[in-house]
Protein backbone atom coordinates (compact mmCIF):
# COMPACT_ATOMS: atom_id res chain seq x y z
CA UNK A 1 -22.08 18.53 -8.91
CA UNK A 2 -20.75 15.41 -7.18
CA UNK A 3 -17.15 15.37 -6.03
CA UNK A 4 -14.91 12.91 -7.90
CA UNK A 5 -14.30 9.99 -5.58
CA UNK A 6 -11.63 7.32 -5.42
CA UNK A 7 -12.74 3.93 -4.09
CA UNK A 8 -10.03 1.30 -3.75
CA UNK A 9 -8.36 -1.41 -1.74
CA UNK A 10 -4.84 -2.77 -1.77
CA UNK A 11 -4.03 -6.47 -1.57
CA UNK A 12 -0.51 -7.73 -0.84
CA UNK A 13 0.82 -10.31 -3.30
CA UNK A 14 3.95 -12.41 -2.95
CA UNK A 15 5.70 -11.11 -6.08
CA UNK A 16 5.09 -9.21 -9.30
CA UNK A 17 5.32 -12.22 -11.63
CA UNK A 18 2.60 -14.07 -9.71
CA UNK A 19 0.45 -10.94 -9.60
CA UNK A 20 0.74 -10.41 -13.36
CA UNK A 21 -0.04 -14.08 -14.05
CA UNK A 22 -3.05 -13.96 -11.75
CA UNK A 23 -4.71 -10.93 -13.38
CA UNK A 24 -3.89 -12.05 -16.92
CA UNK A 25 -5.25 -15.51 -16.11
CA UNK A 26 -8.56 -13.86 -15.18
CA UNK A 27 -8.87 -12.05 -18.52
CA UNK A 28 -7.31 -8.70 -17.70
CA UNK A 29 -5.14 -6.97 -20.31
CA UNK A 30 -2.48 -4.32 -19.86
CA UNK A 31 -3.90 -0.81 -20.23
CA UNK A 32 -0.70 1.02 -19.22
CA UNK A 33 2.65 -0.73 -19.36
CA UNK A 34 4.98 -0.95 -16.38
CA UNK A 35 6.35 2.51 -15.57
CA UNK A 36 8.58 3.89 -12.84
CA UNK A 37 6.83 6.43 -10.59
CA UNK A 38 8.32 8.96 -8.24
CA UNK A 39 5.73 10.29 -5.80
CA UNK A 40 6.39 13.44 -3.79
CA UNK A 41 4.02 14.12 -0.90
CA UNK A 42 3.85 17.78 0.07
CA UNK A 43 2.97 19.45 3.34
CA UNK A 44 3.56 22.71 5.16
CA UNK A 45 6.14 23.09 7.94
CA UNK A 46 3.59 22.25 10.64
CA UNK A 47 2.31 19.11 8.89
CA UNK A 48 -1.22 20.45 8.70
CA UNK A 49 -2.15 18.65 5.47
CA UNK A 50 -1.36 15.21 6.93
CA UNK A 51 -2.81 16.14 10.32
CA UNK A 52 -6.17 16.88 8.65
CA UNK A 53 -6.08 13.52 6.85
CA UNK A 54 -5.57 15.12 3.43
CA UNK A 55 -2.96 14.46 0.76
CA UNK A 56 -1.18 16.74 -1.70
CA UNK A 57 1.06 14.81 -4.09
CA UNK A 58 3.08 15.39 -7.24
CA UNK A 59 3.72 12.22 -9.26
CA UNK A 60 6.19 11.77 -12.07
CA UNK A 61 5.47 8.66 -14.16
CA UNK A 62 7.39 8.45 -17.39
CA UNK A 63 6.79 11.81 -19.04
CA UNK A 64 3.51 12.45 -17.18
CA UNK A 65 3.43 14.75 -14.17
CA UNK A 66 0.23 14.61 -12.14
CA UNK A 67 -0.75 16.80 -9.20
CA UNK A 68 -3.25 15.11 -6.88
CA UNK A 69 -5.36 16.29 -3.95
CA UNK A 70 -7.05 13.61 -1.85
CA UNK A 71 -9.67 14.54 0.72
CA UNK A 72 -10.30 12.98 4.10
CA UNK A 73 -11.06 9.27 4.04
CA UNK A 74 -14.62 8.08 4.56
CA UNK A 75 -14.58 5.30 7.19
CA UNK A 76 -15.43 1.83 5.92
CA UNK A 77 -14.14 -1.37 4.34
CA UNK A 78 -12.92 0.45 1.24
CA UNK A 79 -10.46 3.31 1.06
CA UNK A 80 -12.81 6.05 -0.15
CA UNK A 81 -12.01 9.72 -0.55
CA UNK A 82 -12.38 12.73 -2.80
CA UNK A 83 -9.69 12.82 -5.48
CA UNK A 84 -8.86 15.70 -7.80
CA UNK A 85 -6.01 15.73 -10.31
CA UNK A 86 -4.46 17.81 -13.03
CA UNK A 87 -1.43 17.50 -15.28
CA UNK A 88 1.67 19.69 -15.12
CA UNK A 89 4.43 19.84 -17.70
CA UNK A 90 7.53 20.60 -15.62
CA UNK A 91 8.28 18.76 -12.38
CA UNK A 92 10.82 21.27 -11.08
CA UNK A 93 8.60 24.28 -11.73
CA UNK A 94 5.57 22.53 -10.26
CA UNK A 95 7.46 21.77 -7.04
CA UNK A 96 8.84 25.35 -7.00
CA UNK A 97 5.30 26.77 -7.14
CA UNK A 98 4.22 24.64 -4.18
CA UNK A 99 7.44 25.50 -2.31
CA UNK A 100 6.65 29.19 -2.86
CA UNK A 101 3.26 28.59 -1.26
CA UNK A 102 4.89 26.91 1.75
CA UNK A 103 4.50 23.25 0.75
CA UNK A 104 7.71 21.22 0.82
CA UNK A 105 8.49 17.53 0.48
CA UNK A 106 7.37 15.47 3.48
CA UNK A 107 7.75 12.03 1.87
CA UNK A 108 9.09 10.54 -1.33
CA UNK A 109 8.10 7.08 -2.47
CA UNK A 110 8.86 5.08 -5.57
CA UNK A 111 7.13 2.23 -7.31
CA UNK A 112 6.77 0.49 -10.63
CA UNK A 113 3.13 0.41 -11.74
CA UNK A 114 1.31 -1.63 -14.38
CA UNK A 115 -2.39 -1.01 -14.99
CA UNK A 116 -4.85 -3.68 -16.15
CA UNK A 117 -8.49 -3.65 -17.32
CA UNK A 118 -10.98 -6.33 -18.33
CA UNK A 119 -13.52 -5.72 -21.05
CA UNK A 120 -15.72 -2.72 -20.35
CA UNK A 121 -15.79 -3.26 -16.59
CA UNK A 122 -16.03 -0.09 -14.47
CA UNK A 123 -12.78 -0.61 -12.54
CA UNK A 124 -9.13 -1.41 -13.00
CA UNK A 125 -6.35 -3.32 -11.28
CA UNK A 126 -2.89 -1.90 -10.81
CA UNK A 127 0.14 -3.94 -9.86
CA UNK A 128 2.51 -1.83 -7.77
CA UNK A 129 6.04 -3.01 -7.10
CA UNK A 130 7.36 -1.00 -4.14
CA UNK A 131 10.49 -1.19 -1.99
CA UNK A 132 8.34 -2.62 0.84
CA UNK A 133 6.38 -5.19 -1.14
CA UNK A 134 4.14 -5.85 -4.10
CA UNK A 135 0.51 -4.76 -3.98
CA UNK A 136 -2.51 -4.96 -6.22
CA UNK A 137 -4.87 -2.01 -6.11
CA UNK A 138 -8.45 -2.64 -7.13
CA UNK A 139 -10.12 0.67 -7.93
CA UNK A 140 -13.73 1.11 -8.98
CA UNK A 141 -17.23 0.75 -7.54
CA UNK A 142 -17.30 -1.20 -4.27
CA UNK A 143 -19.38 -4.05 -5.73
CA UNK A 144 -16.88 -4.39 -8.60
CA UNK A 145 -14.00 -4.47 -6.10
CA UNK A 146 -15.62 -7.25 -4.05
CA UNK A 147 -16.49 -9.28 -7.16
CA UNK A 148 -13.03 -8.85 -8.69
CA UNK A 149 -11.24 -9.66 -5.44
CA UNK A 150 -13.22 -12.92 -5.16
CA UNK A 151 -12.51 -13.72 -8.82
CA UNK A 152 -8.78 -13.26 -8.11
CA UNK A 153 -8.99 -15.53 -5.06
CA UNK A 154 -9.09 -12.90 -2.30
CA UNK A 155 -11.62 -11.92 0.36
CA UNK A 156 -12.32 -8.79 2.35
CA UNK A 157 -9.91 -10.13 4.97
CA UNK A 158 -7.11 -9.46 2.45
CA UNK A 159 -8.08 -5.81 1.93
CA UNK A 160 -5.61 -3.14 2.99
CA UNK A 161 -7.10 0.32 3.40
CA UNK A 162 -3.83 2.19 4.02
CA UNK A 163 -2.15 4.65 1.67
CA UNK A 164 1.44 4.00 0.60
CA UNK A 165 2.64 6.67 3.01
CA UNK A 166 0.84 4.93 5.92
CA UNK A 167 2.11 1.52 4.79
CA UNK A 168 5.66 2.91 4.72
CA UNK A 169 5.28 4.44 8.20
CA UNK A 170 4.08 1.05 9.47
CA UNK A 171 6.98 -0.73 7.72
CA UNK A 172 9.47 1.73 9.25
CA UNK A 173 8.08 1.13 12.76
CA UNK A 174 8.22 -2.64 12.30
CA UNK A 175 11.80 -2.52 10.99
CA UNK A 176 13.18 0.21 13.27
CA UNK A 177 13.86 2.54 10.34
CA UNK A 178 13.57 6.32 10.41
CA UNK A 179 13.06 7.63 6.89
CA UNK A 180 10.85 9.79 4.72
CA UNK A 181 12.17 8.26 1.52
CA UNK A 182 10.71 4.95 0.33
CA UNK A 183 13.06 4.35 -2.55
CA UNK A 184 14.56 1.27 -4.12
CA UNK A 185 18.04 2.52 -3.25
CA UNK A 186 17.37 3.43 0.40
CA UNK A 187 14.86 0.93 1.79
CA UNK A 188 16.90 -0.71 4.55
C-alpha cells in the first residue's frame, strides 16, 4: 500500500484580496470558507521530531481538530512528504494525551485559510493569511501545480518549499525576533 503523500508549493502574494480575485478570476470556487486556524507543533524535550525532519501537529480550525504527522521531505522543486491525519474531538484532551507521551508545544502559529477548487481538477489552492504574510498553497500532482501556477501568472521561480514553521524561523532571523508563537497578536 502506497503512503499518502502531500505535494505542494507556497507562493507569496501581496495581499488576500488580490489573491482571492486572482484565483476566482481563473475559475476557482470556494470549497471551504475562510476559517481561523490555530496550529500547535509538538516535539519532545530534546527536539528529536524536528531534528529528524518530521512534523507532529494538532490543528484547530473552526470546530475541526486534526492531528497530522508529516514525514521527511523528499528533495526537489516541490515540497513532497508523507502525510497522515486523523480527527480528534477535544483539543485539550488531545494535547494532554501527547503531553503524557512526552510531546509538548514547540511552536504555535495562526492563520486564516480559504480553500478553492476548479472543476474536477486533482488539486486545490488555499489562500493563507498569516502574521508574516499572505501565501497561496497549490497542492496536488506536480504537473497540476506547474500548470496552475502558470495559469495564475507564476513560475517555478516563485515557488516556496518551506513549511510555515521554517518560514517563521526565517522571518524571526530577518527581523531579530525570538519567538515560538506566530500569532496575530504577537508578531512584532
